[in-house]
Amino acid sequence: GMAMVKGADVSWLTQMENAGYRFYNDSGSKQDLFPILKAHGMNAIRLRVWVNPSNGWNNITDVVAKAKRAKAYGFDILIDFHYSDTWADPANQTKPAAWSSYTFEQLMSNVYWHTYNSLITLKNAGITPKWVQVGNETNNGMLWPDGKASVNMKNFAWLINSGYDAVKAVNSGIKVIVHLANCENNSLYRWMFDGL
């Protein structure tokens, strides 16, 4: 049967630890966050990937460090590609600065290679995610304006396919996630998934 997935996004963790945050278990002892989550029934960890973040947090090197810790405690791992240098969400889907002048063909290529190279870096560190999320809160697509779904659903679908193909080229067993916010909005989901 299917086990219930109980997950947490702990992408802040290394930045918080660097700033002096500490975590304590139920008995009040200081402990690493991952065994604390494990003790509370968690079994999955999500980690976001930013392309070239200004302060380095959530770049692939930082993601690998967190993923190795999660794997050591037996967590399933979801890797969440934002395809941005910072937060991607329903109101913000800003291209990475380095990709800002690219043609659409170049954007498709870079979605592929950024996804592929990041997953190969994880693979070389012993990490095979169970799930890979291509885009974050893509209620209206990603990599605006080129991939804005309400303007050009085909472009968004091609970007999703570029990420999908890269994931499957690394490991065909990884499940690919299309991620939207506002799960209560049935019409949004019908529009998006019918469109794709």
N, C-alpha and C. Protein backbone atom coordinates (compact mmCIF):
# COMPACT_ATOMS: atom_id res chain seq x y z
N GLY A 1 0.82 -1.21 0.00
CA GLY A 1 0.00 0.00 0.00
C GLY A 1 0.85 1.26 0.00
N MET A 2 0.20 2.37 -0.22
CA MET A 2 0.90 3.66 -0.25
C MET A 2 1.03 4.22 1.17
N ALA A 3 2.24 4.57 1.54
CA ALA A 3 2.46 5.20 2.85
C ALA A 3 2.08 6.67 2.75
N MET A 4 1.54 7.20 3.82
CA MET A 4 1.22 8.62 3.87
C MET A 4 2.52 9.42 3.83
N VAL A 5 2.55 10.43 2.97
CA VAL A 5 3.70 11.32 2.93
C VAL A 5 3.46 12.46 3.91
N LYS A 6 4.37 12.59 4.87
CA LYS A 6 4.32 13.71 5.81
C LYS A 6 5.64 14.46 5.67
N GLY A 7 5.58 15.62 5.02
CA GLY A 7 6.81 16.30 4.66
C GLY A 7 6.91 17.71 5.19
N ALA A 8 8.13 18.23 5.14
CA ALA A 8 8.41 19.61 5.50
C ALA A 8 9.42 20.18 4.53
N ASP A 9 9.23 21.46 4.17
CA ASP A 9 10.26 22.18 3.43
C ASP A 9 11.16 22.84 4.47
N VAL A 10 12.41 22.41 4.52
CA VAL A 10 13.37 22.95 5.50
C VAL A 10 14.49 23.71 4.78
N SER A 11 14.15 24.33 3.65
CA SER A 11 15.17 25.02 2.85
C SER A 11 15.88 26.13 3.62
N TRP A 12 15.24 26.68 4.64
CA TRP A 12 15.87 27.74 5.44
C TRP A 12 16.98 27.20 6.34
N LEU A 13 17.06 25.89 6.53
CA LEU A 13 17.80 25.33 7.66
C LEU A 13 19.24 25.81 7.77
N THR A 14 20.02 25.69 6.71
CA THR A 14 21.44 26.06 6.81
C THR A 14 21.61 27.55 7.09
N GLN A 15 20.75 28.36 6.48
CA GLN A 15 20.81 29.81 6.72
C GLN A 15 20.45 30.13 8.17
N MET A 16 19.44 29.43 8.71
CA MET A 16 19.05 29.62 10.11
C MET A 16 20.18 29.19 11.05
N GLU A 17 20.76 28.02 10.77
CA GLU A 17 21.86 27.53 11.62
C GLU A 17 23.03 28.52 11.59
N ASN A 18 23.32 29.04 10.40
CA ASN A 18 24.40 30.01 10.24
C ASN A 18 24.14 31.28 11.06
N ALA A 19 22.86 31.61 11.20
CA ALA A 19 22.47 32.81 11.97
C ALA A 19 22.36 32.52 13.47
N GLY A 20 22.62 31.28 13.87
CA GLY A 20 22.64 30.95 15.29
C GLY A 20 21.40 30.26 15.84
N TYR A 21 20.45 29.94 14.96
CA TYR A 21 19.26 29.21 15.43
C TYR A 21 19.66 27.81 15.90
N ARG A 22 19.00 27.33 16.94
CA ARG A 22 19.23 25.99 17.45
C ARG A 22 17.88 25.28 17.59
N PHE A 23 17.90 23.96 17.52
CA PHE A 23 16.67 23.16 17.60
C PHE A 23 16.76 22.22 18.79
N TYR A 24 15.60 22.02 19.44
CA TYR A 24 15.55 21.23 20.67
C TYR A 24 14.46 20.16 20.55
N ASN A 25 14.75 18.97 21.04
CA ASN A 25 13.78 17.88 21.00
C ASN A 25 12.79 18.01 22.15
N ASP A 26 11.88 17.05 22.25
CA ASP A 26 10.79 17.13 23.23
C ASP A 26 11.30 17.11 24.67
N SER A 27 12.48 16.52 24.89
CA SER A 27 13.02 16.50 26.26
C SER A 27 13.85 17.75 26.56
N GLY A 28 13.90 18.67 25.59
CA GLY A 28 14.59 19.94 25.83
C GLY A 28 16.07 19.92 25.51
N SER A 29 16.53 18.82 24.91
CA SER A 29 17.95 18.74 24.55
C SER A 29 18.17 19.28 23.14
N LYS A 30 19.28 20.01 22.96
CA LYS A 30 19.64 20.51 21.64
C LYS A 30 19.92 19.32 20.72
N GLN A 31 19.36 19.35 19.52
CA GLN A 31 19.53 18.23 18.59
C GLN A 31 19.45 18.75 17.16
N ASP A 32 20.01 17.98 16.24
CA ASP A 32 19.86 18.29 14.83
C ASP A 32 18.38 18.26 14.45
N LEU A 33 17.98 19.12 13.53
CA LEU A 33 16.56 19.20 13.16
C LEU A 33 16.02 17.89 12.60
N PHE A 34 16.82 17.17 11.79
CA PHE A 34 16.27 16.01 11.09
C PHE A 34 15.80 14.89 12.01
N PRO A 35 16.56 14.48 13.02
CA PRO A 35 16.01 13.46 13.93
C PRO A 35 14.80 13.96 14.72
N ILE A 36 14.73 15.26 14.98
CA ILE A 36 13.55 15.81 15.66
C ILE A 36 12.32 15.63 14.77
N LEU A 37 12.45 15.98 13.48
CA LEU A 37 11.33 15.79 12.55
C LEU A 37 10.95 14.32 12.44
N LYS A 38 11.98 13.45 12.37
CA LYS A 38 11.74 12.00 12.28
C LYS A 38 10.94 11.51 13.49
N ALA A 39 11.30 11.99 14.66
CA ALA A 39 10.62 11.58 15.90
C ALA A 39 9.16 12.03 15.91
N HIS A 40 8.84 13.03 15.11
CA HIS A 40 7.47 13.54 15.03
C HIS A 40 6.72 13.00 13.81
N GLY A 41 7.24 11.89 13.24
CA GLY A 41 6.51 11.19 12.19
C GLY A 41 6.72 11.71 10.78
N MET A 42 7.64 12.64 10.60
CA MET A 42 7.90 13.15 9.26
C MET A 42 8.72 12.12 8.47
N ASN A 43 8.44 12.03 7.16
CA ASN A 43 9.20 11.07 6.34
C ASN A 43 9.67 11.64 5.00
N ALA A 44 9.44 12.92 4.75
CA ALA A 44 9.83 13.52 3.48
C ALA A 44 10.31 14.96 3.70
N ILE A 45 11.28 15.36 2.90
CA ILE A 45 11.87 16.70 3.00
C ILE A 45 11.87 17.33 1.61
N ARG A 46 11.39 18.58 1.53
CA ARG A 46 11.47 19.34 0.28
C ARG A 46 12.56 20.40 0.40
N LEU A 47 13.34 20.55 -0.67
CA LEU A 47 14.41 21.53 -0.72
C LEU A 47 14.33 22.33 -2.01
N ARG A 48 14.32 23.67 -1.89
CA ARG A 48 14.20 24.51 -3.08
C ARG A 48 15.57 24.79 -3.68
N VAL A 49 15.57 24.94 -5.01
CA VAL A 49 16.79 25.27 -5.76
C VAL A 49 16.59 26.61 -6.45
N TRP A 50 17.46 27.58 -6.13
CA TRP A 50 17.50 28.84 -6.85
C TRP A 50 18.72 28.82 -7.77
N VAL A 51 18.63 29.52 -8.91
CA VAL A 51 19.68 29.41 -9.93
C VAL A 51 20.97 30.08 -9.45
N ASN A 52 20.90 31.36 -9.14
CA ASN A 52 22.10 32.09 -8.71
C ASN A 52 21.72 33.10 -7.63
N PRO A 53 21.34 32.59 -6.45
CA PRO A 53 20.87 33.49 -5.39
C PRO A 53 21.98 34.43 -4.93
N SER A 54 21.61 35.66 -4.59
CA SER A 54 22.60 36.70 -4.27
C SER A 54 23.46 36.32 -3.07
N ASN A 55 22.89 35.60 -2.08
CA ASN A 55 23.67 35.28 -0.88
C ASN A 55 24.14 33.82 -0.85
N GLY A 56 23.86 33.06 -1.91
CA GLY A 56 24.32 31.68 -1.99
C GLY A 56 23.37 30.65 -1.41
N TRP A 57 22.55 31.03 -0.44
CA TRP A 57 21.61 30.06 0.15
C TRP A 57 20.64 29.56 -0.92
N ASN A 58 20.41 28.25 -0.94
CA ASN A 58 19.52 27.57 -1.88
C ASN A 58 20.13 27.40 -3.27
N ASN A 59 21.42 27.68 -3.42
CA ASN A 59 22.08 27.26 -4.66
C ASN A 59 22.34 25.76 -4.55
N ILE A 60 22.82 25.13 -5.62
CA ILE A 60 22.89 23.66 -5.63
C ILE A 60 23.86 23.14 -4.58
N THR A 61 24.93 23.87 -4.29
CA THR A 61 25.88 23.43 -3.26
C THR A 61 25.21 23.35 -1.89
N ASP A 62 24.43 24.38 -1.56
CA ASP A 62 23.69 24.41 -0.30
C ASP A 62 22.63 23.31 -0.27
N VAL A 63 21.96 23.09 -1.40
CA VAL A 63 20.93 22.05 -1.48
C VAL A 63 21.55 20.67 -1.24
N VAL A 64 22.70 20.41 -1.85
CA VAL A 64 23.38 19.12 -1.66
C VAL A 64 23.70 18.89 -0.18
N ALA A 65 24.19 19.91 0.50
CA ALA A 65 24.54 19.77 1.92
C ALA A 65 23.32 19.36 2.75
N LYS A 66 22.17 20.00 2.48
CA LYS A 66 20.95 19.67 3.23
C LYS A 66 20.42 18.30 2.83
N ALA A 67 20.49 17.99 1.53
CA ALA A 67 19.96 16.70 1.04
C ALA A 67 20.74 15.53 1.64
N LYS A 68 22.05 15.69 1.77
CA LYS A 68 22.86 14.61 2.35
C LYS A 68 22.46 14.35 3.80
N ARG A 69 22.17 15.41 4.52
CA ARG A 69 21.72 15.27 5.92
C ARG A 69 20.35 14.59 5.97
N ALA A 70 19.44 15.00 5.09
CA ALA A 70 18.10 14.39 5.07
C ALA A 70 18.20 12.91 4.73
N LYS A 71 19.03 12.57 3.73
CA LYS A 71 19.18 11.17 3.33
C LYS A 71 19.74 10.33 4.49
N ALA A 72 20.69 10.90 5.22
CA ALA A 72 21.32 10.17 6.32
C ALA A 72 20.30 9.75 7.38
N TYR A 73 19.21 10.51 7.49
CA TYR A 73 18.15 10.15 8.44
C TYR A 73 16.98 9.43 7.79
N GLY A 74 17.17 9.01 6.53
CA GLY A 74 16.19 8.14 5.88
C GLY A 74 14.99 8.83 5.28
N PHE A 75 15.07 10.12 5.08
CA PHE A 75 13.95 10.85 4.48
C PHE A 75 13.89 10.66 2.96
N ASP A 76 12.68 10.57 2.42
CA ASP A 76 12.49 10.76 0.99
C ASP A 76 12.68 12.24 0.69
N ILE A 77 13.15 12.55 -0.52
CA ILE A 77 13.51 13.92 -0.84
C ILE A 77 12.77 14.40 -2.08
N LEU A 78 12.24 15.63 -1.97
CA LEU A 78 11.64 16.33 -3.11
C LEU A 78 12.51 17.55 -3.40
N ILE A 79 12.95 17.67 -4.64
CA ILE A 79 13.73 18.83 -5.08
C ILE A 79 12.81 19.76 -5.85
N ASP A 80 12.80 21.04 -5.43
CA ASP A 80 11.86 22.03 -5.93
C ASP A 80 12.61 23.11 -6.72
N PHE A 81 12.53 23.03 -8.05
CA PHE A 81 13.19 24.02 -8.92
C PHE A 81 12.30 25.24 -9.11
N HIS A 82 12.81 26.40 -8.72
CA HIS A 82 12.06 27.66 -8.89
C HIS A 82 12.35 28.31 -10.24
N TYR A 83 13.46 27.95 -10.89
CA TYR A 83 13.88 28.58 -12.16
C TYR A 83 13.92 30.10 -12.02
N SER A 84 14.52 30.54 -10.91
CA SER A 84 14.66 31.95 -10.60
C SER A 84 15.83 32.08 -9.64
N ASP A 85 16.30 33.30 -9.43
CA ASP A 85 17.36 33.55 -8.45
C ASP A 85 16.79 33.75 -7.05
N THR A 86 15.46 33.84 -6.96
CA THR A 86 14.80 34.08 -5.68
C THR A 86 13.41 33.45 -5.75
N TRP A 87 12.52 33.84 -4.83
CA TRP A 87 11.20 33.23 -4.73
C TRP A 87 10.42 33.29 -6.04
N ALA A 88 9.88 32.16 -6.44
CA ALA A 88 8.90 32.10 -7.52
C ALA A 88 7.56 31.71 -6.89
N ASP A 89 6.52 32.49 -7.20
CA ASP A 89 5.20 32.26 -6.60
C ASP A 89 4.15 32.80 -7.57
N PRO A 90 2.85 32.74 -7.24
CA PRO A 90 1.85 33.15 -8.23
C PRO A 90 2.02 34.59 -8.73
N ALA A 91 2.63 35.46 -7.93
CA ALA A 91 2.79 36.87 -8.33
C ALA A 91 4.17 37.18 -8.88
N ASN A 92 5.11 36.26 -8.73
CA ASN A 92 6.51 36.51 -9.11
C ASN A 92 7.09 35.27 -9.78
N GLN A 93 7.39 35.38 -11.06
CA GLN A 93 8.07 34.30 -11.78
C GLN A 93 9.17 34.96 -12.61
N THR A 94 10.16 35.48 -11.90
CA THR A 94 11.21 36.29 -12.51
C THR A 94 12.34 35.40 -13.02
N LYS A 95 12.71 35.58 -14.27
CA LYS A 95 13.82 34.81 -14.83
C LYS A 95 15.10 35.05 -14.03
N PRO A 96 15.96 34.04 -13.96
CA PRO A 96 17.29 34.28 -13.41
C PRO A 96 17.95 35.42 -14.19
N ALA A 97 18.72 36.26 -13.49
CA ALA A 97 19.35 37.41 -14.15
C ALA A 97 20.18 36.96 -15.36
N ALA A 98 20.88 35.86 -15.22
CA ALA A 98 21.75 35.39 -16.30
C ALA A 98 20.97 34.95 -17.54
N TRP A 99 19.68 34.69 -17.37
CA TRP A 99 18.85 34.22 -18.49
C TRP A 99 17.97 35.33 -19.07
N SER A 100 18.11 36.55 -18.57
CA SER A 100 17.11 37.59 -18.84
C SER A 100 16.99 37.97 -20.31
N SER A 101 18.07 37.85 -21.07
CA SER A 101 18.03 38.26 -22.48
C SER A 101 17.86 37.08 -23.44
N TYR A 102 17.63 35.90 -22.90
CA TYR A 102 17.59 34.70 -23.74
C TYR A 102 16.34 34.63 -24.62
N THR A 103 16.51 34.01 -25.79
CA THR A 103 15.36 33.64 -26.62
C THR A 103 14.59 32.53 -25.92
N PHE A 104 13.39 32.25 -26.42
CA PHE A 104 12.61 31.17 -25.81
C PHE A 104 13.30 29.82 -25.96
N GLU A 105 13.94 29.60 -27.11
CA GLU A 105 14.68 28.35 -27.31
C GLU A 105 15.80 28.21 -26.29
N GLN A 106 16.48 29.31 -26.00
CA GLN A 106 17.53 29.28 -24.99
C GLN A 106 16.97 29.04 -23.59
N LEU A 107 15.79 29.60 -23.31
CA LEU A 107 15.16 29.35 -22.02
C LEU A 107 14.83 27.87 -21.86
N MET A 108 14.28 27.26 -22.90
CA MET A 108 13.98 25.82 -22.83
C MET A 108 15.26 25.03 -22.56
N SER A 109 16.32 25.37 -23.28
CA SER A 109 17.60 24.69 -23.12
C SER A 109 18.14 24.86 -21.70
N ASN A 110 18.02 26.07 -21.17
CA ASN A 110 18.54 26.31 -19.83
C ASN A 110 17.71 25.66 -18.74
N VAL A 111 16.40 25.60 -18.92
CA VAL A 111 15.58 24.82 -17.98
C VAL A 111 16.05 23.37 -17.98
N TYR A 112 16.28 22.83 -19.17
CA TYR A 112 16.76 21.44 -19.27
C TYR A 112 18.10 21.28 -18.55
N TRP A 113 19.08 22.09 -18.92
CA TRP A 113 20.44 21.87 -18.42
C TRP A 113 20.59 22.24 -16.95
N HIS A 114 19.89 23.27 -16.48
CA HIS A 114 19.93 23.61 -15.05
C HIS A 114 19.35 22.45 -14.23
N THR A 115 18.24 21.89 -14.71
CA THR A 115 17.61 20.76 -14.02
C THR A 115 18.54 19.54 -14.06
N TYR A 116 19.03 19.23 -15.25
CA TYR A 116 19.89 18.05 -15.44
C TYR A 116 21.17 18.16 -14.61
N ASN A 117 21.86 19.27 -14.75
CA ASN A 117 23.15 19.42 -14.05
C ASN A 117 22.97 19.42 -12.54
N SER A 118 21.90 20.03 -12.05
CA SER A 118 21.64 20.04 -10.61
C SER A 118 21.39 18.62 -10.10
N LEU A 119 20.60 17.86 -10.85
CA LEU A 119 20.28 16.49 -10.43
C LEU A 119 21.50 15.57 -10.54
N ILE A 120 22.36 15.81 -11.53
CA ILE A 120 23.61 15.04 -11.63
C ILE A 120 24.53 15.37 -10.45
N THR A 121 24.58 16.65 -10.06
CA THR A 121 25.36 17.04 -8.88
C THR A 121 24.84 16.32 -7.63
N LEU A 122 23.52 16.26 -7.48
CA LEU A 122 22.93 15.50 -6.36
C LEU A 122 23.24 14.02 -6.48
N LYS A 123 23.12 13.47 -7.69
CA LYS A 123 23.40 12.05 -7.90
C LYS A 123 24.84 11.71 -7.51
N ASN A 124 25.77 12.58 -7.91
CA ASN A 124 27.18 12.36 -7.59
C ASN A 124 27.44 12.44 -6.09
N ALA A 125 26.53 13.07 -5.34
CA ALA A 125 26.63 13.13 -3.88
C ALA A 125 25.81 12.02 -3.22
N GLY A 126 25.30 11.09 -4.03
CA GLY A 126 24.56 9.95 -3.50
C GLY A 126 23.08 10.18 -3.29
N ILE A 127 22.54 11.26 -3.88
CA ILE A 127 21.15 11.64 -3.64
C ILE A 127 20.30 11.36 -4.87
N THR A 128 19.28 10.52 -4.73
CA THR A 128 18.27 10.35 -5.77
C THR A 128 16.93 10.79 -5.19
N PRO A 129 16.43 11.96 -5.61
CA PRO A 129 15.14 12.40 -5.07
C PRO A 129 14.01 11.47 -5.52
N LYS A 130 12.98 11.37 -4.69
CA LYS A 130 11.80 10.59 -5.07
C LYS A 130 10.91 11.40 -6.00
N TRP A 131 10.93 12.74 -5.78
CA TRP A 131 10.11 13.65 -6.58
C TRP A 131 10.96 14.84 -7.00
N VAL A 132 10.67 15.39 -8.17
CA VAL A 132 11.25 16.66 -8.59
C VAL A 132 10.12 17.57 -9.06
N GLN A 133 10.08 18.75 -8.51
CA GLN A 133 9.06 19.75 -8.81
C GLN A 133 9.64 20.70 -9.86
N VAL A 134 9.01 20.77 -11.04
CA VAL A 134 9.49 21.66 -12.10
C VAL A 134 8.67 22.95 -12.07
N GLY A 135 9.21 23.93 -11.36
CA GLY A 135 8.51 25.19 -11.16
C GLY A 135 7.85 25.23 -9.80
N ASN A 136 7.70 26.43 -9.25
CA ASN A 136 7.13 26.60 -7.91
C ASN A 136 5.92 27.53 -7.97
N GLU A 137 4.77 27.04 -7.49
CA GLU A 137 3.53 27.83 -7.48
C GLU A 137 3.27 28.45 -8.87
N THR A 138 3.27 27.59 -9.87
CA THR A 138 3.16 28.04 -11.27
C THR A 138 1.69 28.21 -11.67
N ASN A 139 0.92 28.95 -10.87
CA ASN A 139 -0.49 29.20 -11.16
C ASN A 139 -0.69 29.85 -12.52
N ASN A 140 0.29 30.65 -12.94
CA ASN A 140 0.22 31.30 -14.26
C ASN A 140 1.54 31.13 -14.99
N GLY A 141 2.10 29.93 -14.90
CA GLY A 141 3.32 29.62 -15.62
C GLY A 141 4.57 30.07 -14.89
N MET A 142 5.67 30.19 -15.65
CA MET A 142 6.96 30.55 -15.05
C MET A 142 7.82 31.25 -16.10
N LEU A 143 8.95 31.77 -15.64
CA LEU A 143 9.89 32.46 -16.54
C LEU A 143 9.17 33.51 -17.38
N TRP A 144 8.49 34.41 -16.66
CA TRP A 144 7.72 35.46 -17.32
C TRP A 144 8.65 36.45 -18.03
N PRO A 145 8.19 37.06 -19.15
CA PRO A 145 6.85 36.89 -19.73
C PRO A 145 6.72 35.68 -20.66
N ASP A 146 7.84 35.10 -21.08
CA ASP A 146 7.81 34.07 -22.13
C ASP A 146 6.92 32.89 -21.76
N GLY A 147 7.01 32.45 -20.48
CA GLY A 147 6.29 31.26 -20.06
C GLY A 147 5.03 31.55 -19.27
N LYS A 148 4.45 32.75 -19.46
CA LYS A 148 3.22 33.10 -18.74
C LYS A 148 2.06 32.33 -19.35
N ALA A 149 1.44 31.45 -18.57
CA ALA A 149 0.47 30.50 -19.12
C ALA A 149 -0.76 31.18 -19.70
N SER A 150 -1.21 32.26 -19.08
CA SER A 150 -2.42 32.94 -19.58
C SER A 150 -2.17 33.65 -20.91
N VAL A 151 -0.90 33.89 -21.22
CA VAL A 151 -0.53 34.53 -22.48
C VAL A 151 -0.14 33.50 -23.52
N ASN A 152 0.61 32.46 -23.08
CA ASN A 152 1.09 31.44 -24.01
C ASN A 152 1.22 30.11 -23.29
N MET A 153 0.10 29.37 -23.25
CA MET A 153 0.09 28.07 -22.58
C MET A 153 1.07 27.11 -23.23
N LYS A 154 1.22 27.18 -24.55
CA LYS A 154 2.14 26.28 -25.24
C LYS A 154 3.57 26.48 -24.75
N ASN A 155 3.99 27.75 -24.61
CA ASN A 155 5.34 28.00 -24.11
C ASN A 155 5.52 27.41 -22.72
N PHE A 156 4.53 27.60 -21.85
CA PHE A 156 4.65 27.04 -20.49
C PHE A 156 4.75 25.52 -20.56
N ALA A 157 3.92 24.90 -21.38
CA ALA A 157 3.96 23.44 -21.52
C ALA A 157 5.34 22.98 -22.01
N TRP A 158 5.93 23.72 -22.94
CA TRP A 158 7.25 23.36 -23.44
C TRP A 158 8.32 23.50 -22.36
N LEU A 159 8.19 24.52 -21.51
CA LEU A 159 9.13 24.66 -20.40
C LEU A 159 8.98 23.51 -19.40
N ILE A 160 7.74 23.16 -19.09
CA ILE A 160 7.49 22.00 -18.21
C ILE A 160 8.10 20.74 -18.82
N ASN A 161 7.87 20.54 -20.11
CA ASN A 161 8.43 19.36 -20.78
C ASN A 161 9.96 19.36 -20.75
N SER A 162 10.56 20.54 -20.85
CA SER A 162 12.03 20.63 -20.81
C SER A 162 12.54 20.15 -19.45
N GLY A 163 11.90 20.60 -18.38
CA GLY A 163 12.28 20.14 -17.05
C GLY A 163 12.00 18.66 -16.86
N TYR A 164 10.83 18.22 -17.33
CA TYR A 164 10.45 16.80 -17.24
C TYR A 164 11.48 15.91 -17.94
N ASP A 165 11.84 16.29 -19.17
CA ASP A 165 12.79 15.49 -19.95
C ASP A 165 14.13 15.39 -19.24
N ALA A 166 14.56 16.50 -18.62
CA ALA A 166 15.84 16.49 -17.91
C ALA A 166 15.80 15.54 -16.72
N VAL A 167 14.70 15.58 -15.95
CA VAL A 167 14.56 14.68 -14.80
C VAL A 167 14.64 13.23 -15.26
N LYS A 168 13.87 12.90 -16.29
CA LYS A 168 13.81 11.51 -16.76
C LYS A 168 15.12 11.06 -17.38
N ALA A 169 15.91 12.01 -17.94
CA ALA A 169 17.23 11.67 -18.48
C ALA A 169 18.20 11.28 -17.37
N VAL A 170 18.01 11.84 -16.19
CA VAL A 170 18.87 11.50 -15.05
C VAL A 170 18.41 10.19 -14.41
N ASN A 171 17.09 10.03 -14.23
CA ASN A 171 16.55 8.81 -13.62
C ASN A 171 15.07 8.71 -13.95
N SER A 172 14.72 7.71 -14.75
CA SER A 172 13.33 7.58 -15.22
C SER A 172 12.35 7.26 -14.10
N GLY A 173 12.87 6.85 -12.95
CA GLY A 173 12.00 6.48 -11.83
C GLY A 173 11.54 7.66 -10.98
N ILE A 174 12.15 8.83 -11.17
CA ILE A 174 11.77 9.99 -10.37
C ILE A 174 10.42 10.50 -10.84
N LYS A 175 9.53 10.79 -9.88
CA LYS A 175 8.23 11.36 -10.22
C LYS A 175 8.37 12.87 -10.40
N VAL A 176 7.76 13.40 -11.47
CA VAL A 176 7.83 14.83 -11.76
C VAL A 176 6.54 15.50 -11.31
N ILE A 177 6.68 16.60 -10.58
CA ILE A 177 5.56 17.32 -10.00
C ILE A 177 5.36 18.65 -10.73
N VAL A 178 4.11 18.92 -11.15
CA VAL A 178 3.72 20.27 -11.57
C VAL A 178 3.06 20.90 -10.35
N HIS A 179 3.58 22.04 -9.90
CA HIS A 179 3.20 22.59 -8.61
C HIS A 179 2.43 23.90 -8.76
N LEU A 180 1.21 23.90 -8.24
CA LEU A 180 0.38 25.10 -8.19
C LEU A 180 0.05 25.39 -6.74
N ALA A 181 -0.19 26.66 -6.43
CA ALA A 181 -0.75 27.04 -5.13
C ALA A 181 -2.28 27.00 -5.24
N ASN A 182 -2.97 27.38 -4.17
CA ASN A 182 -4.44 27.52 -4.17
C ASN A 182 -5.16 26.24 -4.55
N CYS A 183 -4.87 25.18 -3.80
CA CYS A 183 -5.42 23.86 -4.13
C CYS A 183 -6.94 23.80 -3.99
N GLU A 184 -7.54 24.82 -3.35
CA GLU A 184 -9.01 24.84 -3.22
C GLU A 184 -9.69 25.34 -4.50
N ASN A 185 -8.90 25.86 -5.44
CA ASN A 185 -9.44 26.51 -6.64
C ASN A 185 -9.52 25.51 -7.79
N ASN A 186 -10.63 24.78 -7.85
CA ASN A 186 -10.78 23.73 -8.86
C ASN A 186 -10.68 24.28 -10.28
N SER A 187 -11.24 25.47 -10.52
CA SER A 187 -11.22 26.01 -11.88
C SER A 187 -9.79 26.32 -12.34
N LEU A 188 -8.95 26.80 -11.41
CA LEU A 188 -7.53 27.03 -11.74
C LEU A 188 -6.86 25.73 -12.17
N TYR A 189 -7.11 24.67 -11.41
CA TYR A 189 -6.46 23.38 -11.70
C TYR A 189 -6.97 22.79 -13.01
N ARG A 190 -8.26 22.91 -13.27
CA ARG A 190 -8.80 22.42 -14.54
C ARG A 190 -8.23 23.20 -15.71
N TRP A 191 -8.16 24.53 -15.56
CA TRP A 191 -7.60 25.36 -16.62
C TRP A 191 -6.14 24.98 -16.91
N MET A 192 -5.35 24.86 -15.83
CA MET A 192 -3.92 24.59 -15.99
C MET A 192 -3.65 23.21 -16.55
N PHE A 193 -4.28 22.17 -15.96
CA PHE A 193 -3.95 20.82 -16.39
C PHE A 193 -4.60 20.46 -17.72
N ASP A 194 -5.77 21.01 -18.01
CA ASP A 194 -6.33 20.86 -19.37
C ASP A 194 -5.41 21.55 -20.37
N GLY A 195 -4.91 22.74 -19.99
CA GLY A 195 -4.02 23.48 -20.88
C GLY A 195 -2.73 22.74 -21.16
N LEU A 196 -2.14 22.20 -20.11
CA LEU A 196 -0.91 21.44 -20.30
C LEU A 196 -1.16 20.18 -21.11
